[in-house]
């Protein structure tokens, strides 16, 4: 079974955040709203949850997951930043962008399914996510909730919940949010390379 909790789009109540974090701490997998659609979230040391995400999304063994972070200082603990990287991320966040960067030793092996030492990081512009991260007090491993072959067109959260029912532990329902992925920017080569055009504006790059 999958539990469902309904929260207001502008933020969750403290007791709701405590409940969501409790599910994560107990090893659960959640679906939650971000500024670029719903995502799947789990703690970085939770390999079982990671493997559930791989099955749910039909991912291959080369897929890298991303960390949702509260701040640029938290990002700096997970990846190695050049001055230009720092300036760009500070300029674009919080917002619907994911940045690929060389990872530090603080990154869990569960975030990387091959031997390439890079990882995605992002700082979402969403009060629910920021509140959740504040209570959890650590970055959250995350994957966009993009299903491989849904049986029907997903129009709203009811459809989404029906598609993933039984495959997650908690669905954090904040109603409609844009079903458009983040803009994915690779910063490993010394200059920004756009790997995916998403919700984040990149015309100035």
Protein backbone atom coordinates (compact mmCIF):
# COMPACT_ATOMS: atom_id res chain seq x y z
CA UNK A 1 0.00 0.00 0.00
CA UNK A 2 0.99 3.62 -0.48
CA UNK A 3 0.08 6.27 2.04
CA UNK A 4 -1.10 9.65 0.78
CA UNK A 5 -0.88 13.00 2.52
CA UNK A 6 -2.38 16.22 1.15
CA UNK A 7 -0.60 19.50 1.82
CA UNK A 8 -0.96 23.10 0.73
CA UNK A 9 1.21 24.16 -2.26
CA UNK A 10 2.69 27.09 -0.29
CA UNK A 11 4.12 24.84 2.43
CA UNK A 12 3.52 21.98 4.82
CA UNK A 13 2.68 22.16 8.50
CA UNK A 14 5.39 21.09 10.97
CA UNK A 15 3.55 17.89 11.90
CA UNK A 16 3.25 16.99 8.21
CA UNK A 17 6.96 17.56 7.64
CA UNK A 18 7.79 15.46 10.69
CA UNK A 19 5.63 12.65 9.29
CA UNK A 20 7.26 12.78 5.84
CA UNK A 21 10.75 12.77 7.34
CA UNK A 22 9.75 9.88 9.59
CA UNK A 23 8.90 7.82 6.51
CA UNK A 24 12.30 8.63 5.00
CA UNK A 25 14.19 7.84 8.20
CA UNK A 26 12.46 4.46 8.41
CA UNK A 27 13.76 3.60 4.94
CA UNK A 28 10.80 4.73 2.88
CA UNK A 29 10.51 6.02 -0.67
CA UNK A 30 8.37 9.11 -1.23
CA UNK A 31 6.92 11.00 -4.18
CA UNK A 32 6.90 14.74 -3.58
CA UNK A 33 6.31 18.00 -5.48
CA UNK A 34 9.13 20.23 -6.70
CA UNK A 35 9.39 23.32 -8.88
CA UNK A 36 9.69 21.05 -11.95
CA UNK A 37 7.07 18.36 -11.39
CA UNK A 38 6.83 15.48 -8.96
CA UNK A 39 9.95 13.58 -7.97
CA UNK A 40 10.93 10.46 -6.06
CA UNK A 41 13.00 10.98 -2.92
CA UNK A 42 14.96 8.80 -0.51
CA UNK A 43 17.91 9.01 1.86
CA UNK A 44 21.34 8.55 0.30
CA UNK A 45 22.20 5.48 2.37
CA UNK A 46 19.02 3.66 1.34
CA UNK A 47 20.07 1.22 -1.38
CA UNK A 48 16.76 -0.66 -1.36
CA UNK A 49 14.85 2.53 -2.12
CA UNK A 50 17.29 3.33 -4.92
CA UNK A 51 16.70 -0.07 -6.47
CA UNK A 52 12.94 0.45 -6.23
CA UNK A 53 13.35 3.69 -8.20
CA UNK A 54 15.35 1.86 -10.87
CA UNK A 55 12.57 -0.69 -11.29
CA UNK A 56 9.79 1.89 -11.16
CA UNK A 57 11.35 4.13 -13.80
CA UNK A 58 12.90 1.38 -15.90
CA UNK A 59 16.38 2.89 -15.62
CA UNK A 60 19.67 1.40 -16.80
CA UNK A 61 22.76 0.88 -14.68
CA UNK A 62 24.44 4.08 -15.93
CA UNK A 63 21.83 6.44 -14.55
CA UNK A 64 22.97 9.03 -12.02
CA UNK A 65 20.63 10.45 -9.43
CA UNK A 66 20.61 14.00 -8.10
CA UNK A 67 20.81 15.53 -4.67
CA UNK A 68 18.24 18.10 -3.61
CA UNK A 69 20.01 20.61 -1.37
CA UNK A 70 19.02 23.53 0.83
CA UNK A 71 21.83 25.87 -0.07
CA UNK A 72 24.98 26.44 -2.08
CA UNK A 73 27.10 25.62 0.96
CA UNK A 74 25.43 22.20 1.13
CA UNK A 75 26.09 21.72 -2.60
CA UNK A 76 29.77 22.51 -1.97
CA UNK A 77 30.08 19.52 0.35
CA UNK A 78 28.95 17.13 -2.39
CA UNK A 79 30.74 18.45 -5.48
CA UNK A 80 33.95 20.24 -6.40
CA UNK A 81 33.20 23.78 -7.51
CA UNK A 82 35.30 26.17 -9.57
CA UNK A 83 34.72 29.88 -9.04
CA UNK A 84 32.74 30.10 -12.29
CA UNK A 85 30.55 27.15 -11.21
CA UNK A 86 29.87 28.82 -7.89
CA UNK A 87 28.83 32.07 -9.59
CA UNK A 88 26.51 30.33 -12.07
CA UNK A 89 24.77 28.18 -9.47
CA UNK A 90 24.35 31.17 -7.18
CA UNK A 91 22.82 33.10 -10.08
CA UNK A 92 20.32 30.37 -11.07
CA UNK A 93 19.25 28.95 -7.74
CA UNK A 94 16.92 28.28 -6.16
CA UNK A 95 15.26 27.22 -9.39
CA UNK A 96 14.52 24.38 -11.85
CA UNK A 97 18.12 23.53 -12.74
CA UNK A 98 20.26 20.45 -12.16
CA UNK A 99 24.05 20.74 -12.37
CA UNK A 100 26.43 17.86 -13.11
CA UNK A 101 29.76 18.24 -11.32
CA UNK A 102 32.69 16.12 -10.06
CA UNK A 103 31.67 14.51 -6.79
CA UNK A 104 33.47 14.54 -3.47
CA UNK A 105 33.90 11.66 -1.06
CA UNK A 106 30.72 12.81 0.71
CA UNK A 107 28.61 11.41 -2.13
CA UNK A 108 27.11 8.01 -1.45
CA UNK A 109 27.92 5.19 -3.84
CA UNK A 110 24.17 4.69 -4.10
CA UNK A 111 23.95 7.93 -6.08
CA UNK A 112 26.18 6.60 -8.87
CA UNK A 113 25.62 3.33 -10.68
CA UNK A 114 28.91 3.26 -12.55
CA UNK A 115 32.48 4.34 -11.86
CA UNK A 116 32.17 7.90 -13.19
CA UNK A 117 32.67 10.24 -10.24
CA UNK A 118 30.12 12.88 -11.08
CA UNK A 119 26.74 13.65 -9.57
CA UNK A 120 23.79 15.97 -10.09
CA UNK A 121 22.91 18.67 -7.55
CA UNK A 122 20.03 21.12 -7.40
CA UNK A 123 18.42 23.68 -5.09
CA UNK A 124 14.66 23.63 -5.74
CA UNK A 125 12.55 26.77 -5.50
CA UNK A 126 9.71 25.12 -3.61
CA UNK A 127 8.68 25.79 -0.01
CA UNK A 128 7.60 22.19 0.57
CA UNK A 129 10.99 20.83 -0.47
CA UNK A 130 12.89 23.44 1.51
CA UNK A 131 10.83 22.71 4.60
CA UNK A 132 11.37 18.98 4.16
CA UNK A 133 15.13 19.38 3.77
CA UNK A 134 15.31 21.61 6.83
CA UNK A 135 13.66 18.98 9.02
CA UNK A 136 15.60 16.09 7.44
CA UNK A 137 18.84 18.08 7.90
CA UNK A 138 20.61 16.40 4.98
CA UNK A 139 20.44 16.43 1.17
CA UNK A 140 17.82 14.15 -0.35
CA UNK A 141 18.59 11.80 -3.23
CA UNK A 142 16.04 12.41 -5.93
CA UNK A 143 14.84 11.31 -9.36
CA UNK A 144 12.22 12.92 -11.58
CA UNK A 145 8.98 10.98 -11.47
CA UNK A 146 8.91 10.10 -15.16
CA UNK A 147 7.29 6.74 -15.81
CA UNK A 148 8.50 4.56 -18.71
CA UNK A 149 5.13 3.42 -20.11
CA UNK A 150 2.09 4.67 -18.22
CA UNK A 151 -1.12 2.88 -19.16
CA UNK A 152 -2.88 6.15 -19.86
CA UNK A 153 -2.10 9.84 -20.12
CA UNK A 154 -1.38 11.36 -16.71
CA UNK A 155 -3.48 14.48 -16.36
CA UNK A 156 -3.48 15.17 -12.61
CA UNK A 157 -2.29 13.89 -9.26
CA UNK A 158 -5.08 11.31 -9.12
CA UNK A 159 -3.74 9.69 -12.28
CA UNK A 160 -0.18 9.90 -11.01
CA UNK A 161 -1.08 8.35 -7.67
CA UNK A 162 -2.92 5.51 -9.41
CA UNK A 163 0.14 4.78 -11.58
CA UNK A 164 2.59 4.52 -8.68
CA UNK A 165 0.27 3.07 -6.02
CA UNK A 166 1.98 0.18 -4.23
CA UNK A 167 5.42 1.12 -5.53
CA UNK A 168 6.19 3.93 -3.08
CA UNK A 169 5.57 4.40 0.64
CA UNK A 170 4.20 7.94 0.72
CA UNK A 171 2.70 10.27 -1.88
CA UNK A 172 2.98 13.92 -0.86
CA UNK A 173 0.10 15.47 -2.76
CA UNK A 174 0.27 19.25 -3.22
CA UNK A 175 -2.03 19.28 -6.22
CA UNK A 176 -0.92 20.33 -9.67
CA UNK A 177 2.69 21.28 -10.33
CA UNK A 178 4.35 21.71 -13.76
CA UNK A 179 5.27 18.34 -15.25
CA UNK A 180 8.44 19.61 -16.90
CA UNK A 181 11.92 18.40 -15.88
CA UNK A 182 14.76 20.62 -14.77
CA UNK A 183 17.22 22.09 -17.22
CA UNK A 184 20.31 19.87 -16.98
CA UNK A 185 23.68 21.63 -17.16
CA UNK A 186 27.02 19.80 -17.27
CA UNK A 187 29.79 21.80 -15.60
CA UNK A 188 32.51 19.14 -15.67
CA UNK A 189 34.36 20.51 -18.73
CA UNK A 190 34.99 24.05 -17.49
CA UNK A 191 32.13 25.65 -19.39
CA UNK A 192 28.35 25.05 -19.21
CA UNK A 193 27.02 22.37 -21.56
CA UNK A 194 23.26 21.95 -21.85
CA UNK A 195 22.36 18.26 -21.68
CA UNK A 196 18.61 18.77 -21.44
CA UNK A 197 16.39 21.77 -22.02
CA UNK A 198 13.77 21.90 -19.32
CA UNK A 199 11.86 24.43 -17.29
CA UNK A 200 14.88 26.55 -16.40
CA UNK A 201 15.66 29.39 -18.83
CA UNK A 202 19.08 29.14 -20.52
CA UNK A 203 18.91 31.81 -23.25
CA UNK A 204 21.64 33.85 -21.57
CA UNK A 205 24.21 31.01 -21.58
